[in-house]
Amino acid sequence: GGFYTQDDIRDLVAYAGARYITVIPEIDLPGHAQAAVAAHPQLSVPGDHPAVSTNWGVNYYLYNTNADSLTFVKNVLDEVMALFPGRYIHLGGDEAIKTQWRVSPAIQSQMRALGLRNEEALQSWFMEQIGRYLADHGRTMVGWDEILQGGVPSTATVMSWRGSQGAITAARLGHDVVLSPAPILYFDN
């Protein structure tokens, strides 16, 4: 049907828990956001309001990095945390094509105000805001190895899917690591 109800999630989490399995949800940020910004245009980069995508794959739409977007994401995570009692919440961080951020005067102004050198650093800042929010609620952020670009949030667990180098780098930086290199351990293949 395209979605799970909250009762469906509760049943799934209980079923898994009875079998000693923890379900870890993924709410992908800041990319893979086309559905969210199509439904809530105020979350998009200023002036860029996409339609709902009907294609599978990587799209170019990112969340805006302003206070409204952060509040929206935190509200979504409040619901996610209520449904998934496990320690870990996956925030993605992968395949975030930053073209929109590069050409947006508002985003570039925000980067200057924050003293950030590039869009990768902006992604790190954005993910750090959400990672801190999770930590304040006793949860741990997980992110794909792309979160290493621009500086990884200090409390993040890194899940390396593009080979093993991301895992090695993250481990050397003192992060917990999940090794899932494609195609060997990337289980959706």
N, C-alpha and C. Protein backbone atom coordinates (compact mmCIF):
# COMPACT_ATOMS: atom_id res chain seq x y z
N GLY A 1 0.79 -1.21 0.00
CA GLY A 1 0.00 0.00 0.00
C GLY A 1 0.83 1.26 0.00
N GLY A 2 2.14 1.17 0.09
CA GLY A 2 2.97 2.35 0.05
C GLY A 2 3.34 2.97 1.38
N PHE A 3 2.74 2.49 2.47
CA PHE A 3 3.09 3.05 3.77
C PHE A 3 2.67 2.06 4.86
N TYR A 4 3.23 2.26 6.04
CA TYR A 4 2.84 1.51 7.22
C TYR A 4 2.08 2.44 8.15
N THR A 5 1.01 1.96 8.75
CA THR A 5 0.35 2.74 9.79
C THR A 5 1.20 2.66 11.06
N GLN A 6 0.91 3.51 12.03
CA GLN A 6 1.63 3.42 13.30
C GLN A 6 1.37 2.08 13.98
N ASP A 7 0.14 1.56 13.87
CA ASP A 7 -0.13 0.23 14.43
C ASP A 7 0.66 -0.85 13.72
N ASP A 8 0.81 -0.74 12.39
CA ASP A 8 1.65 -1.69 11.64
C ASP A 8 3.08 -1.67 12.19
N ILE A 9 3.60 -0.48 12.42
CA ILE A 9 4.97 -0.35 12.94
C ILE A 9 5.08 -0.97 14.32
N ARG A 10 4.12 -0.67 15.18
CA ARG A 10 4.16 -1.25 16.52
C ARG A 10 4.16 -2.78 16.46
N ASP A 11 3.34 -3.35 15.58
CA ASP A 11 3.28 -4.81 15.43
C ASP A 11 4.61 -5.35 14.91
N LEU A 12 5.18 -4.69 13.92
CA LEU A 12 6.45 -5.13 13.34
C LEU A 12 7.58 -5.07 14.37
N VAL A 13 7.66 -3.97 15.12
CA VAL A 13 8.69 -3.82 16.14
C VAL A 13 8.52 -4.87 17.23
N ALA A 14 7.30 -5.15 17.63
CA ALA A 14 7.04 -6.17 18.65
C ALA A 14 7.39 -7.56 18.13
N TYR A 15 7.03 -7.85 16.90
CA TYR A 15 7.35 -9.14 16.28
C TYR A 15 8.87 -9.35 16.24
N ALA A 16 9.58 -8.32 15.77
CA ALA A 16 11.04 -8.40 15.71
C ALA A 16 11.64 -8.53 17.10
N GLY A 17 11.15 -7.72 18.04
CA GLY A 17 11.68 -7.75 19.40
C GLY A 17 11.51 -9.10 20.07
N ALA A 18 10.40 -9.78 19.79
CA ALA A 18 10.19 -11.11 20.35
C ALA A 18 11.22 -12.11 19.81
N ARG A 19 11.87 -11.75 18.73
CA ARG A 19 12.91 -12.59 18.11
C ARG A 19 14.30 -11.98 18.28
N TYR A 20 14.43 -11.07 19.25
CA TYR A 20 15.70 -10.43 19.60
C TYR A 20 16.31 -9.65 18.44
N ILE A 21 15.45 -9.02 17.67
CA ILE A 21 15.87 -8.18 16.55
C ILE A 21 15.42 -6.75 16.85
N THR A 22 16.31 -5.81 16.64
CA THR A 22 15.97 -4.39 16.78
C THR A 22 15.78 -3.79 15.40
N VAL A 23 14.64 -3.21 15.16
CA VAL A 23 14.36 -2.54 13.90
C VAL A 23 14.91 -1.12 14.00
N ILE A 24 15.76 -0.76 13.04
CA ILE A 24 16.35 0.57 13.00
C ILE A 24 15.74 1.33 11.83
N PRO A 25 14.97 2.37 12.10
CA PRO A 25 14.37 3.14 11.01
C PRO A 25 15.39 4.06 10.36
N GLU A 26 15.16 4.38 9.09
CA GLU A 26 15.99 5.37 8.40
C GLU A 26 15.10 6.49 7.88
N ILE A 27 15.41 7.69 8.28
CA ILE A 27 14.79 8.91 7.77
C ILE A 27 15.93 9.66 7.08
N ASP A 28 16.00 9.57 5.77
CA ASP A 28 17.17 10.05 5.04
C ASP A 28 17.20 11.57 4.94
N LEU A 29 18.34 12.15 5.31
CA LEU A 29 18.58 13.58 5.29
C LEU A 29 19.97 13.86 4.73
N PRO A 30 20.26 14.97 4.19
CA PRO A 30 19.33 15.98 3.72
C PRO A 30 18.80 15.67 2.33
N GLY A 31 19.31 14.61 1.71
CA GLY A 31 18.84 14.23 0.38
C GLY A 31 17.71 13.21 0.45
N HIS A 32 17.41 12.64 -0.70
CA HIS A 32 16.26 11.73 -0.83
C HIS A 32 15.01 12.40 -0.25
N ALA A 33 14.88 13.68 -0.50
CA ALA A 33 13.84 14.48 0.14
C ALA A 33 12.72 14.91 -0.80
N GLN A 34 12.72 14.42 -2.03
CA GLN A 34 11.76 14.93 -3.00
C GLN A 34 10.32 14.74 -2.56
N ALA A 35 9.97 13.60 -2.01
CA ALA A 35 8.59 13.38 -1.57
C ALA A 35 8.20 14.37 -0.47
N ALA A 36 9.11 14.57 0.49
CA ALA A 36 8.81 15.48 1.60
C ALA A 36 8.67 16.91 1.13
N VAL A 37 9.58 17.38 0.27
CA VAL A 37 9.50 18.78 -0.16
C VAL A 37 8.40 18.99 -1.19
N ALA A 38 7.98 17.93 -1.90
CA ALA A 38 6.82 18.05 -2.79
C ALA A 38 5.55 18.24 -1.96
N ALA A 39 5.46 17.51 -0.85
CA ALA A 39 4.28 17.61 0.02
C ALA A 39 4.31 18.86 0.89
N HIS A 40 5.50 19.32 1.23
CA HIS A 40 5.68 20.48 2.11
C HIS A 40 6.67 21.46 1.45
N PRO A 41 6.22 22.23 0.47
CA PRO A 41 7.16 23.10 -0.27
C PRO A 41 7.96 24.07 0.60
N GLN A 42 7.44 24.39 1.78
CA GLN A 42 8.17 25.30 2.66
C GLN A 42 9.49 24.68 3.15
N LEU A 43 9.65 23.38 2.98
CA LEU A 43 10.87 22.70 3.40
C LEU A 43 11.93 22.68 2.31
N SER A 44 11.55 23.10 1.11
CA SER A 44 12.48 23.01 -0.01
C SER A 44 13.42 24.21 -0.03
N VAL A 45 14.47 24.07 -0.82
CA VAL A 45 15.36 25.19 -1.06
C VAL A 45 14.52 26.29 -1.70
N PRO A 46 14.67 27.53 -1.27
CA PRO A 46 13.80 28.61 -1.78
C PRO A 46 13.68 28.62 -3.30
N GLY A 47 12.42 28.67 -3.76
CA GLY A 47 12.14 28.76 -5.18
C GLY A 47 12.13 27.44 -5.92
N ASP A 48 12.33 26.34 -5.23
CA ASP A 48 12.42 25.03 -5.91
C ASP A 48 11.37 24.11 -5.33
N HIS A 49 10.27 23.90 -6.03
CA HIS A 49 9.15 23.12 -5.53
C HIS A 49 8.87 21.97 -6.50
N PRO A 50 9.37 20.79 -6.22
CA PRO A 50 9.22 19.67 -7.16
C PRO A 50 7.85 19.01 -7.06
N ALA A 51 7.55 18.23 -8.09
CA ALA A 51 6.41 17.33 -8.03
C ALA A 51 6.86 16.04 -7.34
N VAL A 52 5.91 15.21 -6.96
CA VAL A 52 6.25 13.91 -6.40
C VAL A 52 6.91 13.09 -7.50
N SER A 53 8.03 12.49 -7.20
CA SER A 53 8.75 11.68 -8.18
C SER A 53 8.05 10.36 -8.39
N THR A 54 8.03 9.92 -9.63
CA THR A 54 7.48 8.60 -9.95
C THR A 54 8.59 7.64 -10.34
N ASN A 55 9.84 8.08 -10.21
CA ASN A 55 10.99 7.26 -10.59
C ASN A 55 11.80 6.85 -9.38
N TRP A 56 12.40 5.69 -9.46
CA TRP A 56 13.31 5.21 -8.43
C TRP A 56 14.69 5.81 -8.70
N GLY A 57 15.44 6.06 -7.66
CA GLY A 57 16.82 6.50 -7.83
C GLY A 57 17.14 7.73 -7.03
N VAL A 58 18.28 8.31 -7.34
CA VAL A 58 18.76 9.50 -6.66
C VAL A 58 18.13 10.72 -7.32
N ASN A 59 17.55 11.61 -6.50
CA ASN A 59 17.03 12.86 -7.05
C ASN A 59 17.82 14.02 -6.46
N TYR A 60 17.58 15.18 -6.99
CA TYR A 60 18.42 16.33 -6.66
C TYR A 60 17.82 17.26 -5.61
N TYR A 61 16.73 16.86 -5.00
CA TYR A 61 16.05 17.74 -4.06
C TYR A 61 16.54 17.49 -2.64
N LEU A 62 16.90 18.59 -1.98
CA LEU A 62 17.38 18.54 -0.60
C LEU A 62 16.44 19.34 0.29
N TYR A 63 16.50 19.03 1.58
CA TYR A 63 15.82 19.89 2.54
C TYR A 63 16.53 21.23 2.59
N ASN A 64 15.76 22.27 2.83
CA ASN A 64 16.34 23.55 3.18
C ASN A 64 17.03 23.33 4.54
N THR A 65 17.98 24.15 4.87
CA THR A 65 18.71 23.99 6.13
C THR A 65 18.29 25.03 7.16
N ASN A 66 17.14 25.62 6.98
CA ASN A 66 16.68 26.67 7.89
C ASN A 66 15.97 26.09 9.11
N ALA A 67 15.55 26.97 9.99
CA ALA A 67 14.91 26.56 11.25
C ALA A 67 13.61 25.80 11.01
N ASP A 68 12.84 26.19 9.99
CA ASP A 68 11.58 25.48 9.71
C ASP A 68 11.82 24.02 9.35
N SER A 69 12.83 23.77 8.52
CA SER A 69 13.15 22.39 8.15
C SER A 69 13.64 21.60 9.35
N LEU A 70 14.50 22.21 10.16
CA LEU A 70 14.98 21.51 11.35
C LEU A 70 13.83 21.16 12.29
N THR A 71 12.90 22.07 12.46
CA THR A 71 11.74 21.81 13.31
C THR A 71 10.90 20.67 12.74
N PHE A 72 10.68 20.68 11.43
CA PHE A 72 9.92 19.61 10.78
C PHE A 72 10.58 18.25 11.03
N VAL A 73 11.89 18.19 10.78
CA VAL A 73 12.62 16.92 10.95
C VAL A 73 12.55 16.46 12.41
N LYS A 74 12.71 17.37 13.34
CA LYS A 74 12.63 17.00 14.76
C LYS A 74 11.24 16.47 15.11
N ASN A 75 10.19 17.07 14.54
CA ASN A 75 8.84 16.57 14.78
C ASN A 75 8.65 15.17 14.21
N VAL A 76 9.19 14.93 13.02
CA VAL A 76 9.13 13.59 12.43
C VAL A 76 9.88 12.62 13.34
N LEU A 77 11.04 13.02 13.81
CA LEU A 77 11.83 12.12 14.67
C LEU A 77 11.14 11.87 16.00
N ASP A 78 10.38 12.82 16.51
CA ASP A 78 9.61 12.57 17.73
C ASP A 78 8.64 11.40 17.50
N GLU A 79 7.98 11.39 16.35
CA GLU A 79 7.08 10.27 16.04
C GLU A 79 7.85 8.98 15.85
N VAL A 80 8.98 9.06 15.16
CA VAL A 80 9.80 7.86 14.93
C VAL A 80 10.29 7.29 16.26
N MET A 81 10.78 8.14 17.14
CA MET A 81 11.28 7.66 18.43
C MET A 81 10.18 7.03 19.27
N ALA A 82 8.96 7.54 19.15
CA ALA A 82 7.84 6.95 19.89
C ALA A 82 7.50 5.56 19.37
N LEU A 83 7.78 5.29 18.11
CA LEU A 83 7.44 4.01 17.50
C LEU A 83 8.57 2.99 17.55
N PHE A 84 9.80 3.47 17.54
CA PHE A 84 10.97 2.58 17.50
C PHE A 84 11.78 2.79 18.78
N PRO A 85 11.70 1.87 19.72
CA PRO A 85 12.35 2.06 21.02
C PRO A 85 13.85 1.83 21.04
N GLY A 86 14.41 1.34 19.95
CA GLY A 86 15.84 1.03 19.92
C GLY A 86 16.71 2.27 20.04
N ARG A 87 17.97 2.04 20.32
CA ARG A 87 18.95 3.11 20.53
C ARG A 87 19.27 3.88 19.25
N TYR A 88 19.23 3.21 18.11
CA TYR A 88 19.73 3.79 16.87
C TYR A 88 18.62 4.31 15.96
N ILE A 89 18.87 5.48 15.36
CA ILE A 89 18.01 6.05 14.33
C ILE A 89 18.94 6.40 13.16
N HIS A 90 18.67 5.85 12.00
CA HIS A 90 19.50 6.09 10.81
C HIS A 90 19.02 7.36 10.13
N LEU A 91 19.94 8.29 9.89
CA LEU A 91 19.60 9.56 9.26
C LEU A 91 20.12 9.68 7.83
N GLY A 92 20.63 8.60 7.28
CA GLY A 92 21.06 8.62 5.89
C GLY A 92 22.31 9.42 5.68
N GLY A 93 22.18 10.58 5.03
CA GLY A 93 23.34 11.40 4.70
C GLY A 93 23.95 11.05 3.37
N ASP A 94 23.37 10.08 2.67
CA ASP A 94 23.95 9.62 1.41
C ASP A 94 23.32 10.32 0.21
N GLU A 95 24.05 10.28 -0.87
CA GLU A 95 23.55 10.69 -2.18
C GLU A 95 22.85 12.05 -2.16
N ALA A 96 23.40 12.98 -1.41
CA ALA A 96 22.85 14.33 -1.33
C ALA A 96 23.57 15.20 -2.35
N ILE A 97 22.98 15.32 -3.52
CA ILE A 97 23.53 16.15 -4.59
C ILE A 97 23.29 17.61 -4.21
N LYS A 98 24.35 18.37 -4.04
CA LYS A 98 24.24 19.69 -3.42
C LYS A 98 24.10 20.85 -4.39
N THR A 99 23.68 20.57 -5.61
CA THR A 99 23.52 21.62 -6.61
C THR A 99 22.57 22.71 -6.13
N GLN A 100 21.45 22.33 -5.55
CA GLN A 100 20.48 23.33 -5.07
C GLN A 100 21.11 24.26 -4.04
N TRP A 101 21.86 23.69 -3.13
CA TRP A 101 22.50 24.51 -2.10
C TRP A 101 23.52 25.46 -2.70
N ARG A 102 24.26 24.98 -3.72
CA ARG A 102 25.29 25.82 -4.34
C ARG A 102 24.72 27.05 -5.02
N VAL A 103 23.53 26.92 -5.62
CA VAL A 103 22.97 28.02 -6.40
C VAL A 103 21.95 28.85 -5.63
N SER A 104 21.66 28.49 -4.41
CA SER A 104 20.67 29.22 -3.62
C SER A 104 21.32 30.37 -2.85
N PRO A 105 20.93 31.62 -3.15
CA PRO A 105 21.46 32.75 -2.39
C PRO A 105 21.16 32.64 -0.89
N ALA A 106 19.99 32.14 -0.52
CA ALA A 106 19.64 32.01 0.90
C ALA A 106 20.53 30.99 1.60
N ILE A 107 20.77 29.87 0.94
CA ILE A 107 21.64 28.83 1.54
C ILE A 107 23.07 29.35 1.65
N GLN A 108 23.55 30.01 0.60
CA GLN A 108 24.91 30.55 0.63
C GLN A 108 25.06 31.61 1.71
N SER A 109 24.03 32.41 1.91
CA SER A 109 24.05 33.41 2.98
C SER A 109 24.11 32.73 4.35
N GLN A 110 23.33 31.68 4.52
CA GLN A 110 23.37 30.94 5.78
C GLN A 110 24.75 30.34 6.01
N MET A 111 25.36 29.78 4.97
CA MET A 111 26.71 29.22 5.11
C MET A 111 27.71 30.28 5.57
N ARG A 112 27.64 31.46 4.97
CA ARG A 112 28.54 32.54 5.38
C ARG A 112 28.30 32.92 6.84
N ALA A 113 27.04 33.02 7.23
CA ALA A 113 26.70 33.39 8.61
C ALA A 113 27.20 32.35 9.61
N LEU A 114 27.20 31.08 9.20
CA LEU A 114 27.67 30.00 10.07
C LEU A 114 29.19 29.80 9.98
N GLY A 115 29.83 30.49 9.03
CA GLY A 115 31.27 30.34 8.85
C GLY A 115 31.66 29.01 8.23
N LEU A 116 30.80 28.48 7.38
CA LEU A 116 31.06 27.17 6.76
C LEU A 116 31.71 27.35 5.40
N ARG A 117 32.72 26.53 5.10
CA ARG A 117 33.53 26.69 3.92
C ARG A 117 32.92 26.12 2.64
N ASN A 118 32.02 25.11 2.76
CA ASN A 118 31.44 24.51 1.56
C ASN A 118 30.15 23.76 1.92
N GLU A 119 29.51 23.21 0.92
CA GLU A 119 28.23 22.54 1.11
C GLU A 119 28.38 21.24 1.90
N GLU A 120 29.52 20.58 1.80
CA GLU A 120 29.75 19.37 2.61
C GLU A 120 29.78 19.73 4.09
N ALA A 121 30.39 20.87 4.41
CA ALA A 121 30.39 21.33 5.80
C ALA A 121 28.98 21.71 6.25
N LEU A 122 28.17 22.24 5.33
CA LEU A 122 26.79 22.56 5.67
C LEU A 122 26.01 21.27 5.97
N GLN A 123 26.23 20.23 5.17
CA GLN A 123 25.57 18.96 5.46
C GLN A 123 25.98 18.45 6.83
N SER A 124 27.25 18.54 7.15
CA SER A 124 27.72 18.11 8.46
C SER A 124 27.05 18.91 9.57
N TRP A 125 26.94 20.24 9.38
CA TRP A 125 26.27 21.08 10.36
C TRP A 125 24.82 20.66 10.53
N PHE A 126 24.12 20.46 9.43
CA PHE A 126 22.72 20.05 9.46
C PHE A 126 22.55 18.72 10.19
N MET A 127 23.40 17.76 9.84
CA MET A 127 23.32 16.43 10.47
C MET A 127 23.69 16.52 11.95
N GLU A 128 24.62 17.38 12.31
CA GLU A 128 25.00 17.56 13.71
C GLU A 128 23.82 18.09 14.53
N GLN A 129 23.05 19.02 13.94
CA GLN A 129 21.88 19.54 14.65
C GLN A 129 20.91 18.42 15.00
N ILE A 130 20.66 17.55 14.03
CA ILE A 130 19.71 16.46 14.23
C ILE A 130 20.33 15.37 15.10
N GLY A 131 21.62 15.09 14.91
CA GLY A 131 22.30 14.11 15.76
C GLY A 131 22.28 14.51 17.22
N ARG A 132 22.48 15.80 17.49
CA ARG A 132 22.42 16.31 18.86
C ARG A 132 21.02 16.17 19.44
N TYR A 133 20.01 16.40 18.61
CA TYR A 133 18.63 16.26 19.05
C TYR A 133 18.35 14.80 19.46
N LEU A 134 18.84 13.87 18.63
CA LEU A 134 18.68 12.45 18.99
C LEU A 134 19.42 12.14 20.28
N ALA A 135 20.65 12.62 20.41
CA ALA A 135 21.43 12.37 21.63
C ALA A 135 20.73 12.92 22.86
N ASP A 136 20.10 14.07 22.73
CA ASP A 136 19.35 14.65 23.85
C ASP A 136 18.18 13.77 24.27
N HIS A 137 17.76 12.89 23.37
CA HIS A 137 16.65 11.96 23.65
C HIS A 137 17.15 10.54 23.86
N GLY A 138 18.45 10.39 24.15
CA GLY A 138 19.00 9.08 24.46
C GLY A 138 19.17 8.17 23.26
N ARG A 139 19.25 8.74 22.08
CA ARG A 139 19.38 7.95 20.85
C ARG A 139 20.71 8.25 20.18
N THR A 140 21.09 7.35 19.28
CA THR A 140 22.34 7.49 18.55
C THR A 140 22.05 7.58 17.06
N MET A 141 22.63 8.57 16.43
CA MET A 141 22.51 8.76 14.99
C MET A 141 23.39 7.74 14.27
N VAL A 142 22.84 7.16 13.21
CA VAL A 142 23.61 6.35 12.26
C VAL A 142 23.55 7.08 10.93
N GLY A 143 24.65 7.10 10.20
CA GLY A 143 24.66 7.72 8.88
C GLY A 143 25.54 6.93 7.93
N TRP A 144 25.18 6.98 6.65
CA TRP A 144 26.01 6.34 5.63
C TRP A 144 27.36 7.03 5.57
N ASP A 145 28.35 6.38 5.00
CA ASP A 145 29.72 6.88 5.04
C ASP A 145 29.90 8.26 4.40
N GLU A 146 28.96 8.73 3.60
CA GLU A 146 29.06 10.09 3.06
C GLU A 146 29.09 11.15 4.14
N ILE A 147 28.62 10.83 5.35
CA ILE A 147 28.65 11.84 6.42
C ILE A 147 30.08 12.15 6.85
N LEU A 148 31.05 11.37 6.39
CA LEU A 148 32.45 11.67 6.69
C LEU A 148 32.94 12.90 5.93
N GLN A 149 32.28 13.24 4.83
CA GLN A 149 32.68 14.39 4.03
C GLN A 149 32.23 15.66 4.74
N GLY A 150 33.12 16.54 5.00
CA GLY A 150 32.76 17.80 5.64
C GLY A 150 32.79 17.73 7.15
N GLY A 151 33.09 16.59 7.71
CA GLY A 151 33.15 16.44 9.17
C GLY A 151 31.97 15.67 9.70
N VAL A 152 32.24 14.56 10.34
CA VAL A 152 31.18 13.69 10.84
C VAL A 152 30.72 14.16 12.23
N PRO A 153 29.41 14.15 12.47
CA PRO A 153 28.94 14.48 13.82
C PRO A 153 29.61 13.60 14.87
N SER A 154 29.96 14.18 15.99
CA SER A 154 30.81 13.52 16.98
C SER A 154 30.22 12.25 17.57
N THR A 155 28.92 12.14 17.66
CA THR A 155 28.31 10.97 18.29
C THR A 155 27.79 9.94 17.29
N ALA A 156 28.05 10.15 16.00
CA ALA A 156 27.46 9.30 14.97
C ALA A 156 28.13 7.94 14.88
N THR A 157 27.31 6.95 14.56
CA THR A 157 27.79 5.65 14.11
C THR A 157 27.79 5.70 12.58
N VAL A 158 28.86 5.24 11.96
CA VAL A 158 29.00 5.32 10.52
C VAL A 158 28.77 3.95 9.90
N MET A 159 27.91 3.91 8.89
CA MET A 159 27.60 2.68 8.17
C MET A 159 28.21 2.81 6.78
N SER A 160 29.24 2.02 6.51
CA SER A 160 30.02 2.15 5.28
C SER A 160 29.48 1.21 4.21
N TRP A 161 28.90 1.81 3.15
CA TRP A 161 28.32 1.00 2.07
C TRP A 161 29.10 1.11 0.78
N ARG A 162 29.99 2.11 0.68
CA ARG A 162 30.74 2.31 -0.56
C ARG A 162 32.13 1.69 -0.47
N GLY A 163 32.23 0.55 0.16
CA GLY A 163 33.51 -0.10 0.36
C GLY A 163 33.90 -0.06 1.82
N SER A 164 35.13 -0.41 2.11
CA SER A 164 35.56 -0.48 3.50
C SER A 164 36.32 0.75 3.97
N GLN A 165 36.76 1.63 3.06
CA GLN A 165 37.57 2.78 3.47
C GLN A 165 36.82 3.70 4.42
N GLY A 166 35.54 3.92 4.18
CA GLY A 166 34.75 4.75 5.09
C GLY A 166 34.73 4.20 6.50
N ALA A 167 34.64 2.88 6.61
CA ALA A 167 34.65 2.24 7.93
C ALA A 167 36.00 2.42 8.61
N ILE A 168 37.05 2.28 7.84
CA ILE A 168 38.41 2.43 8.39
C ILE A 168 38.60 3.86 8.88
N THR A 169 38.22 4.83 8.04
CA THR A 169 38.35 6.24 8.40
C THR A 169 37.54 6.55 9.66
N ALA A 170 36.29 6.10 9.70
CA ALA A 170 35.43 6.36 10.86
C ALA A 170 35.98 5.72 12.12
N ALA A 171 36.46 4.49 12.02
CA ALA A 171 37.03 3.81 13.19
C ALA A 171 38.26 4.55 13.70
N ARG A 172 39.09 5.03 12.80
CA ARG A 172 40.27 5.80 13.21
C ARG A 172 39.90 7.10 13.90
N LEU A 173 38.71 7.62 13.56
CA LEU A 173 38.22 8.85 14.21
C LEU A 173 37.49 8.54 15.52
N GLY A 174 37.40 7.26 15.89
CA GLY A 174 36.79 6.87 17.15
C GLY A 174 35.29 6.59 17.10
N HIS A 175 34.74 6.44 15.91
CA HIS A 175 33.31 6.18 15.77
C HIS A 175 33.02 4.69 15.74
N ASP A 176 31.86 4.31 16.23
CA ASP A 176 31.36 2.96 15.99
C ASP A 176 31.07 2.85 14.50
N VAL A 177 31.22 1.63 13.98
CA VAL A 177 31.11 1.42 12.54
C VAL A 177 30.28 0.17 12.27
N VAL A 178 29.49 0.24 11.21
CA VAL A 178 28.82 -0.93 10.64
C VAL A 178 29.36 -1.07 9.23
N LEU A 179 29.93 -2.21 8.93
CA LEU A 179 30.50 -2.45 7.61
C LEU A 179 29.46 -3.16 6.75
N SER A 180 29.05 -2.50 5.66
CA SER A 180 28.04 -3.08 4.76
C SER A 180 28.36 -2.74 3.31
N PRO A 181 29.59 -3.07 2.86
CA PRO A 181 29.99 -2.66 1.52
C PRO A 181 29.16 -3.35 0.43
N ALA A 182 28.77 -2.53 -0.55
CA ALA A 182 28.06 -3.06 -1.72
C ALA A 182 29.08 -3.72 -2.63
N PRO A 183 28.73 -4.79 -3.31
CA PRO A 183 27.46 -5.51 -3.25
C PRO A 183 27.50 -6.67 -2.26
N ILE A 184 28.61 -6.87 -1.59
CA ILE A 184 28.78 -8.07 -0.75
C ILE A 184 27.85 -8.08 0.46
N LEU A 185 27.81 -6.98 1.20
CA LEU A 185 27.02 -6.94 2.43
C LEU A 185 25.91 -5.88 2.40
N TYR A 186 25.57 -5.42 1.22
CA TYR A 186 24.50 -4.44 1.07
C TYR A 186 23.24 -5.26 0.78
N PHE A 187 22.50 -5.59 1.83
CA PHE A 187 21.53 -6.67 1.76
C PHE A 187 20.32 -6.42 0.86
N ASP A 188 20.06 -5.18 0.46
CA ASP A 188 18.93 -5.00 -0.45
C ASP A 188 19.26 -5.44 -1.87
N ASN A 189 20.51 -5.80 -2.12
CA ASN A 189 20.88 -6.34 -3.43
C ASN A 189 20.64 -7.83 -3.44
